[in-house]
N, C-alpha and C. Protein backbone atom coordinates (compact mmCIF):
# COMPACT_ATOMS: atom_id res chain seq x y z
N UNK A 1 56.05 9.87 21.06
CA UNK A 1 57.07 9.88 22.07
C UNK A 1 56.44 9.76 23.43
N UNK A 2 57.16 9.23 24.33
CA UNK A 2 56.71 9.12 25.70
C UNK A 2 56.50 10.52 26.27
N UNK A 3 55.39 10.71 26.96
CA UNK A 3 55.13 12.00 27.59
C UNK A 3 54.46 13.03 26.71
N UNK A 4 54.05 12.64 25.52
CA UNK A 4 53.37 13.59 24.64
C UNK A 4 51.88 13.31 24.63
N UNK A 5 51.15 14.14 23.96
CA UNK A 5 49.71 13.98 23.85
C UNK A 5 48.94 15.10 24.51
N UNK A 6 49.62 15.90 25.28
CA UNK A 6 48.99 17.03 25.97
C UNK A 6 49.05 18.31 25.16
N UNK A 7 49.92 18.33 24.16
CA UNK A 7 50.18 19.58 23.44
C UNK A 7 48.97 20.13 22.71
N UNK A 8 48.18 19.27 22.10
CA UNK A 8 47.01 19.73 21.34
C UNK A 8 46.07 20.57 22.20
N UNK A 9 45.78 20.11 23.39
CA UNK A 9 44.86 20.83 24.27
C UNK A 9 45.43 22.20 24.66
N UNK A 10 46.70 22.25 25.00
CA UNK A 10 47.31 23.51 25.38
C UNK A 10 47.41 24.47 24.20
N UNK A 11 47.72 23.94 23.03
CA UNK A 11 47.79 24.78 21.83
C UNK A 11 46.42 25.38 21.53
N UNK A 12 45.37 24.54 21.60
CA UNK A 12 44.02 25.03 21.32
C UNK A 12 43.62 26.11 22.32
N UNK A 13 43.97 25.92 23.59
CA UNK A 13 43.63 26.91 24.61
C UNK A 13 44.34 28.24 24.35
N UNK A 14 45.52 28.17 23.72
CA UNK A 14 46.28 29.38 23.43
C UNK A 14 45.96 29.96 22.05
N UNK A 15 45.05 29.30 21.33
CA UNK A 15 44.70 29.77 20.00
C UNK A 15 45.76 29.49 18.96
N UNK A 16 46.53 28.45 19.18
CA UNK A 16 47.64 28.10 18.28
C UNK A 16 47.26 26.83 17.51
N UNK A 17 47.49 26.85 16.20
CA UNK A 17 47.28 25.64 15.40
C UNK A 17 48.36 24.63 15.76
N UNK A 18 47.97 23.37 15.81
CA UNK A 18 48.91 22.30 16.17
C UNK A 18 48.73 21.15 15.20
N UNK A 19 49.83 20.68 14.66
CA UNK A 19 49.82 19.53 13.75
C UNK A 19 50.80 18.51 14.29
N UNK A 20 50.37 17.29 14.47
CA UNK A 20 51.25 16.22 14.92
C UNK A 20 51.55 15.31 13.73
N UNK A 21 52.82 15.12 13.46
CA UNK A 21 53.26 14.19 12.43
C UNK A 21 54.13 13.13 13.11
N UNK A 22 53.57 11.96 13.35
CA UNK A 22 54.37 10.92 14.01
C UNK A 22 55.43 10.37 13.04
N UNK A 23 56.69 10.54 13.41
CA UNK A 23 57.81 10.07 12.60
C UNK A 23 58.57 9.05 13.45
N UNK A 24 58.53 7.80 13.02
CA UNK A 24 59.13 6.70 13.79
C UNK A 24 60.60 6.53 13.45
N UNK A 25 61.42 7.46 13.88
CA UNK A 25 62.86 7.35 13.67
C UNK A 25 63.23 7.19 12.22
N UNK A 26 64.28 6.42 11.96
CA UNK A 26 64.77 6.23 10.60
C UNK A 26 63.71 5.61 9.70
N UNK A 27 62.87 4.74 10.25
CA UNK A 27 61.82 4.10 9.44
C UNK A 27 60.77 5.10 8.98
N UNK A 28 60.66 6.22 9.65
CA UNK A 28 59.67 7.23 9.29
C UNK A 28 60.18 8.24 8.28
N UNK A 29 61.43 8.09 7.87
CA UNK A 29 61.99 9.01 6.89
C UNK A 29 61.69 8.50 5.49
N UNK A 30 60.60 8.99 4.94
CA UNK A 30 60.18 8.58 3.60
C UNK A 30 59.49 9.75 2.92
N UNK A 31 59.26 9.60 1.64
CA UNK A 31 58.69 10.70 0.85
C UNK A 31 57.30 11.10 1.33
N UNK A 32 56.48 10.13 1.72
CA UNK A 32 55.14 10.47 2.19
C UNK A 32 55.20 11.38 3.42
N UNK A 33 56.06 11.04 4.38
CA UNK A 33 56.17 11.87 5.58
C UNK A 33 56.80 13.22 5.29
N UNK A 34 57.77 13.25 4.38
CA UNK A 34 58.36 14.53 4.00
C UNK A 34 57.33 15.40 3.28
N UNK A 35 56.51 14.79 2.44
CA UNK A 35 55.44 15.55 1.77
C UNK A 35 54.45 16.10 2.79
N UNK A 36 54.07 15.30 3.78
CA UNK A 36 53.16 15.77 4.83
C UNK A 36 53.79 16.91 5.62
N UNK A 37 55.06 16.78 5.91
CA UNK A 37 55.81 17.83 6.62
C UNK A 37 55.82 19.12 5.80
N UNK A 38 56.12 19.01 4.53
CA UNK A 38 56.16 20.18 3.65
C UNK A 38 54.79 20.83 3.55
N UNK A 39 53.75 20.04 3.45
CA UNK A 39 52.39 20.59 3.36
C UNK A 39 52.01 21.31 4.65
N UNK A 40 52.41 20.76 5.78
CA UNK A 40 52.12 21.41 7.06
C UNK A 40 52.84 22.75 7.14
N UNK A 41 54.09 22.79 6.69
CA UNK A 41 54.82 24.06 6.69
C UNK A 41 54.21 25.05 5.71
N UNK A 42 53.82 24.57 4.53
CA UNK A 42 53.19 25.45 3.54
C UNK A 42 51.90 26.05 4.08
N UNK A 43 51.17 25.29 4.87
CA UNK A 43 49.89 25.75 5.40
C UNK A 43 50.05 26.91 6.38
N UNK A 44 51.25 27.14 6.86
CA UNK A 44 51.47 28.25 7.80
C UNK A 44 51.50 29.59 7.08
N UNK A 45 51.60 29.56 5.75
CA UNK A 45 51.65 30.80 5.00
C UNK A 45 52.87 31.65 5.30
N UNK A 46 53.93 31.01 5.76
CA UNK A 46 55.15 31.75 6.06
C UNK A 46 55.20 32.35 7.45
N UNK A 47 54.16 32.10 8.24
CA UNK A 47 54.16 32.60 9.62
C UNK A 47 55.21 31.85 10.44
N UNK A 48 55.71 32.48 11.50
CA UNK A 48 56.66 31.78 12.37
C UNK A 48 56.05 30.45 12.84
N UNK A 49 56.87 29.42 12.81
CA UNK A 49 56.39 28.07 13.10
C UNK A 49 57.37 27.34 13.99
N UNK A 50 56.86 26.68 15.00
CA UNK A 50 57.68 25.85 15.88
C UNK A 50 57.58 24.41 15.38
N UNK A 51 58.72 23.79 15.13
CA UNK A 51 58.78 22.39 14.74
C UNK A 51 59.65 21.70 15.78
N UNK A 52 59.14 20.63 16.39
CA UNK A 52 59.93 20.01 17.46
C UNK A 52 59.76 18.50 17.51
N UNK A 53 60.74 17.88 18.11
CA UNK A 53 60.69 16.49 18.52
C UNK A 53 61.57 16.39 19.76
N UNK A 54 61.71 15.22 20.32
CA UNK A 54 62.44 15.07 21.58
C UNK A 54 63.88 15.56 21.52
N UNK A 55 64.55 15.36 20.39
CA UNK A 55 65.97 15.72 20.30
C UNK A 55 66.30 16.66 19.14
N UNK A 56 65.35 16.95 18.31
CA UNK A 56 65.50 17.70 17.05
C UNK A 56 66.17 16.88 15.95
N UNK A 57 66.51 15.64 16.23
CA UNK A 57 67.14 14.77 15.24
C UNK A 57 66.21 14.49 14.07
N UNK A 58 64.97 14.12 14.35
CA UNK A 58 63.98 13.87 13.30
C UNK A 58 63.60 15.16 12.59
N UNK A 59 63.51 16.24 13.34
CA UNK A 59 63.20 17.54 12.74
C UNK A 59 64.27 17.89 11.71
N UNK A 60 65.52 17.77 12.10
CA UNK A 60 66.60 18.08 11.17
C UNK A 60 66.60 17.18 9.96
N UNK A 61 66.31 15.89 10.17
CA UNK A 61 66.26 14.94 9.06
C UNK A 61 65.15 15.33 8.08
N UNK A 62 63.99 15.70 8.60
CA UNK A 62 62.89 16.10 7.73
C UNK A 62 63.22 17.38 6.96
N UNK A 63 63.84 18.34 7.62
CA UNK A 63 64.24 19.56 6.92
C UNK A 63 65.25 19.25 5.82
N UNK A 64 66.19 18.36 6.09
CA UNK A 64 67.19 17.99 5.08
C UNK A 64 66.54 17.33 3.88
N UNK A 65 65.67 16.37 4.12
CA UNK A 65 65.02 15.65 3.03
C UNK A 65 64.08 16.57 2.25
N UNK A 66 63.38 17.43 2.94
CA UNK A 66 62.52 18.41 2.26
C UNK A 66 63.36 19.31 1.37
N UNK A 67 64.48 19.76 1.89
CA UNK A 67 65.36 20.66 1.13
C UNK A 67 65.81 19.99 -0.17
N UNK A 68 66.11 18.71 -0.11
CA UNK A 68 66.60 18.00 -1.29
C UNK A 68 65.47 17.57 -2.21
N UNK A 69 64.48 16.87 -1.66
CA UNK A 69 63.41 16.30 -2.48
C UNK A 69 62.42 17.35 -2.98
N UNK A 70 62.12 18.35 -2.19
CA UNK A 70 61.06 19.29 -2.56
C UNK A 70 61.57 20.66 -3.00
N UNK A 71 62.71 21.07 -2.42
CA UNK A 71 63.17 22.44 -2.68
C UNK A 71 64.33 22.49 -3.66
N UNK A 72 64.80 21.34 -4.13
CA UNK A 72 65.85 21.31 -5.14
C UNK A 72 67.24 21.67 -4.66
N UNK A 73 67.47 21.62 -3.37
CA UNK A 73 68.81 21.93 -2.84
C UNK A 73 69.76 20.78 -3.17
N UNK A 74 71.06 21.10 -3.19
CA UNK A 74 72.07 20.05 -3.40
C UNK A 74 72.14 19.16 -2.16
N UNK A 75 72.80 18.03 -2.30
CA UNK A 75 72.97 17.12 -1.15
C UNK A 75 73.72 17.82 -0.02
N UNK A 76 74.74 18.57 -0.38
CA UNK A 76 75.53 19.27 0.63
C UNK A 76 74.70 20.33 1.34
N UNK A 77 73.92 21.09 0.58
CA UNK A 77 73.05 22.11 1.18
C UNK A 77 72.02 21.45 2.08
N UNK A 78 71.44 20.36 1.62
CA UNK A 78 70.41 19.66 2.40
C UNK A 78 70.98 19.15 3.72
N UNK A 79 72.17 18.56 3.67
CA UNK A 79 72.79 18.07 4.90
C UNK A 79 73.08 19.22 5.86
N UNK A 80 73.55 20.35 5.34
CA UNK A 80 73.82 21.51 6.20
C UNK A 80 72.54 22.02 6.84
N UNK A 81 71.46 22.07 6.07
CA UNK A 81 70.17 22.50 6.60
C UNK A 81 69.72 21.55 7.71
N UNK A 82 69.84 20.26 7.47
CA UNK A 82 69.46 19.27 8.47
C UNK A 82 70.26 19.39 9.75
N UNK A 83 71.55 19.54 9.61
CA UNK A 83 72.41 19.66 10.80
C UNK A 83 72.11 20.94 11.56
N UNK A 84 71.83 22.02 10.84
CA UNK A 84 71.49 23.29 11.50
C UNK A 84 70.18 23.18 12.27
N UNK A 85 69.30 22.27 11.84
CA UNK A 85 68.00 22.08 12.51
C UNK A 85 68.05 20.98 13.56
N UNK A 86 69.24 20.40 13.82
CA UNK A 86 69.36 19.45 14.91
C UNK A 86 69.62 18.00 14.54
N UNK A 87 69.77 17.69 13.27
CA UNK A 87 70.01 16.31 12.85
C UNK A 87 71.38 15.84 13.35
N UNK A 88 71.40 14.69 13.97
CA UNK A 88 72.65 14.09 14.45
C UNK A 88 72.69 12.63 14.00
N UNK A 89 72.17 11.74 14.82
CA UNK A 89 72.24 10.30 14.58
C UNK A 89 71.58 9.85 13.28
N UNK A 90 70.61 10.59 12.80
CA UNK A 90 69.94 10.21 11.55
C UNK A 90 70.68 10.69 10.31
N UNK A 91 71.81 11.34 10.49
CA UNK A 91 72.57 11.84 9.37
C UNK A 91 72.96 10.76 8.37
N UNK A 92 73.37 9.59 8.86
CA UNK A 92 73.77 8.50 7.95
C UNK A 92 72.58 8.02 7.13
N UNK A 93 71.41 7.90 7.75
CA UNK A 93 70.21 7.48 7.03
C UNK A 93 69.82 8.53 6.00
N UNK A 94 69.91 9.80 6.35
CA UNK A 94 69.57 10.86 5.41
C UNK A 94 70.55 10.84 4.23
N UNK A 95 71.82 10.66 4.49
CA UNK A 95 72.80 10.57 3.40
C UNK A 95 72.46 9.41 2.46
N UNK A 96 72.04 8.28 3.04
CA UNK A 96 71.63 7.12 2.24
C UNK A 96 70.44 7.48 1.35
N UNK A 97 69.46 8.18 1.90
CA UNK A 97 68.29 8.58 1.14
C UNK A 97 68.63 9.61 0.07
N UNK A 98 69.55 10.51 0.38
CA UNK A 98 69.95 11.52 -0.60
C UNK A 98 70.73 10.92 -1.76
N UNK A 99 71.28 9.73 -1.56
CA UNK A 99 72.02 9.07 -2.64
C UNK A 99 71.10 8.43 -3.66
N UNK A 100 69.82 8.29 -3.32
CA UNK A 100 68.85 7.72 -4.25
C UNK A 100 68.39 8.80 -5.23
N UNK A 101 67.91 8.37 -6.40
CA UNK A 101 67.41 9.37 -7.36
C UNK A 101 66.27 10.18 -6.75
N UNK A 102 66.21 11.44 -7.16
CA UNK A 102 65.12 12.29 -6.68
C UNK A 102 63.84 11.76 -7.24
């Protein structure tokens, strides 16, 4: 995203682990990126974790897809999780992906 790239240095100075997962909008919503997202979350060991993007739209989409593909949630539960995490415009793409076989 425009204006990013400074976070790693500030996180390191604060003693905070930082992981960047570049997700290119709807084109970045795929199983490989969801797996990387899930692995990054798993690596926190359940510690409080900040997940962000410019609008939370991609964050919500990743949470929705993770909920369905990795956590076994229903399509309805996954969509609710995604919306609660900020998914808006990517909702149609996520619904399309959730319609495919797991």
